[in-house]
Amino acid sequence: MIMITGGSGQLSTLVAQKAAAAGLPFVTGSSTISDSAPDRRRTDFDDPATLDFSGVSTLFLVSAGYAEDDVVMARHENAIAAAEAQGVKHLIYTSLSATGDHLAFALAHRWTERRLRQSGLSWTVLRNGLYAELIGTLAAPVDGVIRAPFGSALISSVAREDLAEAAITVLTAPEQHADTVYELAGKSSWSIADLAGRVGIPYAPAALETTRQNLSAMPLLPFQPPMLISIYAAAAAGFLESRSTDLGKLLQTAPRDTLALAAAAIRSGT
């Protein structure tokens, strides 16, 4: 049996939907459970006593991010240690693509990859690129102008649904993907100027300092502004463009139009 962690998160929800459509036997894991999701097990990575992987042969571990690095690494350690102790055979981890090495949240991903290699588990690492939908959201216009400081370099974002379909390929036959790292950046690349042209909105990127000041005035957690600034800075420096991807190895169809998805994210918020 498969366990898909991440509860009601967007990626884990898509993976669960596609697993059900494919007829794969699975349960979902979440830090919260409700009567509306009777097949969901409580799996709170901050509380190792809740990590019940009994009967689970393949664990799909969605990164438990959105926290400081030490918290994320502790959560992943708890999950991997429990998987080792409870007889899980294969662990699939959603990591961050190599293009994200300069991002402020890369450290916990690379630590987790190293921990997996040192474990007694069979593993697969899905190094997911930044979602096209996220890039579109971060490029939301202010007063009719896109001011997010992405610069002019190309970005190789990826469709969240493509990543879910790639995950299903691995979940269907995990033994065929054992001890393998897949780089899943987008197959096509475009700039924020291209995105602005697609939606017909001017692009006038602000300075990073101005953006940081604006973020500091928002109701964000302390670790979030540096994470966002790192995305803008890495993009502007050209580090979010990938020249190759393994996405085609895991998809049964052509990748989705990421520029269209980013544009749709902007339109839905305006």
Protein backbone atom coordinates (compact mmCIF):
# COMPACT_ATOMS: atom_id res chain seq x y z
CA MET A 1 0.00 0.00 0.00
CA ILE A 2 0.99 3.61 -0.66
CA MET A 3 0.77 6.49 1.78
CA ILE A 4 0.64 10.01 0.33
CA THR A 5 1.54 12.68 2.86
CA GLY A 6 0.64 16.33 2.64
CA GLY A 7 -3.05 16.04 3.48
CA SER A 8 -5.07 18.62 1.58
CA GLY A 9 -2.05 20.32 -0.01
CA GLN A 10 -2.38 21.13 -3.69
CA LEU A 11 0.24 18.69 -4.98
CA SER A 12 -0.70 15.84 -2.64
CA THR A 13 -4.38 16.29 -3.51
CA LEU A 14 -3.60 15.98 -7.21
CA VAL A 15 -1.43 12.92 -6.63
CA ALA A 16 -4.18 11.29 -4.55
CA GLN A 17 -6.79 12.01 -7.21
CA LYS A 18 -4.62 10.51 -9.93
CA ALA A 19 -3.71 7.52 -7.74
CA ALA A 20 -7.42 6.82 -7.26
CA ALA A 21 -8.04 7.12 -11.00
CA ALA A 22 -5.18 4.68 -11.65
CA GLY A 23 -6.58 2.20 -9.15
CA LEU A 24 -3.55 2.34 -6.88
CA PRO A 25 -4.11 1.26 -3.26
CA PHE A 26 -3.31 4.21 -1.00
CA VAL A 27 -4.11 6.16 2.12
CA THR A 28 -3.32 9.80 2.77
CA GLY A 29 -1.52 11.23 5.75
CA SER A 30 -2.11 14.62 7.34
CA SER A 31 -1.46 16.45 10.57
CA THR A 32 -5.24 16.93 10.80
CA ILE A 33 -8.04 14.48 10.09
CA SER A 34 -11.78 14.87 9.74
CA ASP A 35 -14.91 12.77 9.28
CA SER A 36 -14.98 13.84 5.62
CA ALA A 37 -11.72 11.99 4.99
CA PRO A 38 -12.08 8.62 6.74
CA ASP A 39 -9.17 7.07 4.81
CA ARG A 40 -6.73 9.69 6.10
CA ARG A 41 -4.27 8.82 8.85
CA ARG A 42 -3.04 11.43 11.28
CA THR A 43 0.65 11.91 10.52
CA ASP A 44 2.07 14.90 12.34
CA PHE A 45 5.79 15.09 11.53
CA ASP A 46 6.31 17.22 14.64
CA ASP A 47 4.99 14.31 16.76
CA PRO A 48 6.74 11.00 15.93
CA ALA A 49 4.17 9.08 18.00
CA THR A 50 1.55 9.82 15.30
CA LEU A 51 3.59 8.38 12.43
CA ASP A 52 1.81 5.12 11.72
CA PHE A 53 3.18 3.56 8.54
CA SER A 54 1.88 0.06 9.25
CA GLY A 55 1.04 -1.76 6.03
CA VAL A 56 2.75 0.94 3.96
CA SER A 57 5.25 -0.34 1.42
CA THR A 58 5.73 2.96 -0.46
CA LEU A 59 5.74 6.34 1.28
CA PHE A 60 5.22 9.43 -0.88
CA LEU A 61 6.77 12.14 1.28
CA VAL A 62 5.71 15.62 0.26
CA SER A 63 8.21 18.10 1.66
CA ALA A 64 7.02 19.48 5.00
CA GLY A 65 8.30 22.97 4.30
CA TYR A 66 6.88 26.35 5.24
CA ALA A 67 9.04 26.59 8.34
CA GLU A 68 12.60 27.37 9.38
CA ASP A 69 15.23 24.90 8.11
CA ASP A 70 15.80 23.22 11.47
CA VAL A 71 12.09 22.53 11.83
CA VAL A 72 11.77 21.11 8.30
CA MET A 73 14.84 18.90 8.71
CA ALA A 74 13.54 17.58 12.05
CA ARG A 75 10.19 16.75 10.46
CA HIS A 76 11.83 14.87 7.61
CA GLU A 77 14.13 13.04 10.02
CA ASN A 78 11.11 11.90 12.00
CA ALA A 79 9.37 10.65 8.84
CA ILE A 80 12.41 8.82 7.47
CA ALA A 81 13.30 7.27 10.83
CA ALA A 82 9.73 6.03 11.26
CA ALA A 83 9.75 4.60 7.73
CA GLU A 84 12.97 2.74 8.49
CA ALA A 85 11.66 1.39 11.78
CA GLN A 86 8.25 0.32 10.45
CA GLY A 87 9.29 -1.62 7.37
CA VAL A 88 8.55 0.84 4.57
CA LYS A 89 10.38 -0.44 1.50
CA HIS A 90 10.48 2.62 -0.79
CA LEU A 91 10.31 6.35 -0.08
CA ILE A 92 9.58 8.91 -2.79
CA TYR A 93 10.50 12.47 -1.83
CA THR A 94 9.41 15.70 -3.51
CA SER A 95 12.55 17.80 -3.50
CA LEU A 96 13.65 20.97 -5.31
CA SER A 97 15.19 21.11 -8.77
CA ALA A 98 18.88 21.89 -9.22
CA THR A 99 17.87 25.30 -10.57
CA GLY A 100 16.70 26.09 -7.04
CA ASP A 101 20.06 25.63 -5.34
CA HIS A 102 20.31 29.39 -4.74
CA LEU A 103 16.90 29.62 -3.11
CA ALA A 104 16.63 30.23 0.61
CA PHE A 105 14.68 27.00 1.13
CA ALA A 106 17.04 24.66 -0.75
CA LEU A 107 19.06 23.56 2.29
CA ALA A 108 16.40 21.36 3.89
CA HIS A 109 15.77 19.63 0.56
CA ARG A 110 19.43 18.80 0.01
CA TRP A 111 19.77 17.64 3.62
CA THR A 112 16.80 15.31 3.16
CA GLU A 113 18.26 13.87 -0.05
CA ARG A 114 21.51 13.10 1.79
CA ARG A 115 19.60 11.53 4.67
CA LEU A 116 17.74 9.27 2.24
CA ARG A 117 20.98 8.11 0.66
CA GLN A 118 22.24 7.18 4.11
CA SER A 119 19.04 5.33 5.01
CA GLY A 120 18.32 1.65 4.55
CA LEU A 121 15.39 2.47 2.28
CA SER A 122 15.00 2.24 -1.44
CA TRP A 123 14.27 5.80 -2.58
CA THR A 124 13.38 8.08 -5.47
CA VAL A 125 13.90 11.84 -5.44
CA LEU A 126 11.61 13.99 -7.57
CA ARG A 127 13.41 17.32 -7.85
CA ASN A 128 10.42 19.49 -8.70
CA GLY A 129 10.83 22.85 -10.36
CA LEU A 130 8.93 25.93 -9.19
CA TYR A 131 5.27 25.78 -10.13
CA ALA A 132 4.15 27.92 -13.06
CA GLU A 133 1.07 28.72 -10.99
CA LEU A 134 3.31 30.08 -8.22
CA ILE A 135 5.29 32.27 -10.61
CA GLY A 136 2.03 33.71 -11.91
CA THR A 137 0.83 34.41 -8.39
CA LEU A 138 4.12 36.11 -7.44
CA ALA A 139 3.89 38.22 -10.60
CA ALA A 140 0.46 39.57 -9.66
CA PRO A 141 0.17 43.22 -10.77
CA VAL A 142 0.04 46.12 -8.34
CA ASP A 143 -2.03 49.08 -9.58
CA GLY A 144 -2.09 47.54 -13.04
CA VAL A 145 1.67 46.96 -13.32
CA ILE A 146 3.74 43.83 -12.67
CA ARG A 147 6.37 45.09 -10.24
CA ALA A 148 7.79 41.79 -8.96
CA PRO A 149 11.60 41.96 -9.39
CA PHE A 150 12.10 38.86 -11.53
CA GLY A 151 14.49 40.60 -13.91
CA SER A 152 14.64 39.65 -17.59
CA ALA A 153 16.12 36.14 -17.52
CA LEU A 154 14.23 32.99 -18.48
CA ILE A 155 12.45 30.79 -15.93
CA SER A 156 11.85 27.04 -16.42
CA SER A 157 8.72 26.63 -14.32
CA VAL A 158 6.60 23.49 -14.39
CA ALA A 159 2.89 22.67 -14.19
CA ARG A 160 1.81 21.29 -10.83
CA GLU A 161 -0.36 18.73 -12.61
CA ASP A 162 2.58 17.52 -14.69
CA LEU A 163 4.49 16.89 -11.45
CA ALA A 164 1.53 14.93 -10.09
CA GLU A 165 1.43 12.78 -13.24
CA ALA A 166 5.18 12.20 -13.02
CA ALA A 167 4.70 11.08 -9.43
CA ILE A 168 2.06 8.55 -10.48
CA THR A 169 4.48 7.03 -12.98
CA VAL A 170 6.90 6.36 -10.12
CA LEU A 171 4.20 5.24 -7.68
CA THR A 172 2.89 2.70 -10.19
CA ALA A 173 6.22 0.85 -10.31
CA PRO A 174 8.59 2.27 -7.67
CA GLU A 175 11.08 -0.57 -8.05
CA GLN A 176 11.80 0.64 -11.59
CA HIS A 177 12.88 4.03 -10.23
CA ALA A 178 14.90 2.90 -7.23
CA ASP A 179 17.78 5.10 -6.07
CA THR A 180 17.16 7.60 -8.86
CA VAL A 181 17.04 11.40 -8.88
CA TYR A 182 14.79 13.00 -11.48
CA GLU A 183 15.25 16.67 -12.41
CA LEU A 184 11.75 17.97 -13.11
CA ALA A 185 12.17 21.58 -14.18
CA GLY A 186 9.91 22.82 -16.94
CA LYS A 187 10.63 21.86 -20.53
CA SER A 188 9.96 25.36 -21.86
CA SER A 189 11.31 28.64 -20.50
CA TRP A 190 10.00 32.18 -20.60
CA SER A 191 10.58 35.53 -18.92
CA ILE A 192 8.25 37.69 -16.87
CA ALA A 193 8.29 40.11 -19.79
CA ASP A 194 6.84 37.28 -21.89
CA LEU A 195 4.22 36.69 -19.20
CA ALA A 196 3.37 40.41 -19.07
CA GLY A 197 2.96 40.41 -22.84
CA ARG A 198 0.65 37.40 -22.65
CA VAL A 199 -1.70 39.11 -20.19
CA GLY A 200 -1.30 42.62 -21.63
CA ILE A 201 0.03 44.20 -18.43
CA PRO A 202 3.13 46.47 -18.22
CA TYR A 203 6.21 45.04 -16.51
CA ALA A 204 8.28 47.46 -14.45
CA PRO A 205 10.23 45.45 -11.86
CA ALA A 206 10.93 47.17 -8.58
CA ALA A 207 14.27 47.00 -6.79
CA LEU A 208 14.81 44.10 -4.40
CA GLU A 209 15.14 46.55 -1.50
CA THR A 210 11.77 48.10 -2.30
CA THR A 211 10.17 44.67 -2.54
CA ARG A 212 11.72 43.57 0.75
CA GLN A 213 10.33 46.67 2.46
CA ASN A 214 6.88 45.97 1.02
CA LEU A 215 7.01 42.34 2.18
CA SER A 216 8.01 43.40 5.69
CA ALA A 217 4.74 45.29 5.97
CA MET A 218 2.68 42.20 5.09
CA PRO A 219 1.33 39.65 7.60
CA LEU A 220 4.00 37.05 6.78
CA LEU A 221 5.93 34.67 8.99
CA PRO A 222 9.55 35.73 9.64
CA PHE A 223 11.07 33.14 7.27
CA GLN A 224 8.77 33.96 4.35
CA PRO A 225 10.14 37.31 3.08
CA PRO A 226 13.69 35.92 2.64
CA MET A 227 12.25 32.92 0.78
CA LEU A 228 10.32 35.15 -1.60
CA ILE A 229 13.24 37.53 -2.11
CA SER A 230 15.46 34.56 -2.96
CA ILE A 231 13.05 33.51 -5.72
CA TYR A 232 13.12 36.99 -7.26
CA ALA A 233 16.89 37.32 -6.94
CA ALA A 234 17.64 33.85 -8.33
CA ALA A 235 15.33 34.49 -11.26
CA ALA A 236 16.87 37.87 -12.02
CA ALA A 237 20.34 36.32 -11.90
CA GLY A 238 19.32 33.66 -14.42
CA PHE A 239 19.52 30.68 -12.06
CA LEU A 240 15.91 29.53 -12.56
CA GLU A 241 16.46 28.53 -16.16
CA SER A 242 17.17 24.86 -16.84
CA ARG A 243 18.77 23.53 -20.02
CA SER A 244 17.55 19.97 -19.46
CA THR A 245 14.77 18.10 -17.66
CA ASP A 246 13.71 14.52 -17.00
CA LEU A 247 10.05 15.46 -17.17
CA GLY A 248 9.57 13.72 -20.51
CA LYS A 249 10.81 10.42 -19.06
CA LEU A 250 7.91 10.31 -16.60
CA LEU A 251 5.05 11.90 -18.54
CA GLN A 252 2.82 9.98 -20.91
CA THR A 253 1.80 13.18 -22.75
CA ALA A 254 3.41 16.48 -23.70
CA PRO A 255 4.02 18.91 -20.81
CA ARG A 256 1.37 21.54 -20.23
CA ASP A 257 1.75 25.14 -21.41
CA THR A 258 3.34 26.76 -18.36
CA LEU A 259 3.13 30.30 -19.73
CA ALA A 260 -0.63 29.85 -20.14
CA LEU A 261 -0.90 28.53 -16.57
CA ALA A 262 1.03 31.47 -15.15
CA ALA A 263 -1.12 33.87 -17.16
CA ALA A 264 -4.27 32.18 -15.84
CA ALA A 265 -2.96 32.63 -12.27
CA ILE A 266 -2.56 36.36 -12.89
CA ARG A 267 -6.00 36.71 -14.49
CA SER A 268 -7.68 34.84 -11.63
CA GLY A 269 -6.28 37.36 -9.16
CA THR A 270 -7.07 40.53 -11.08
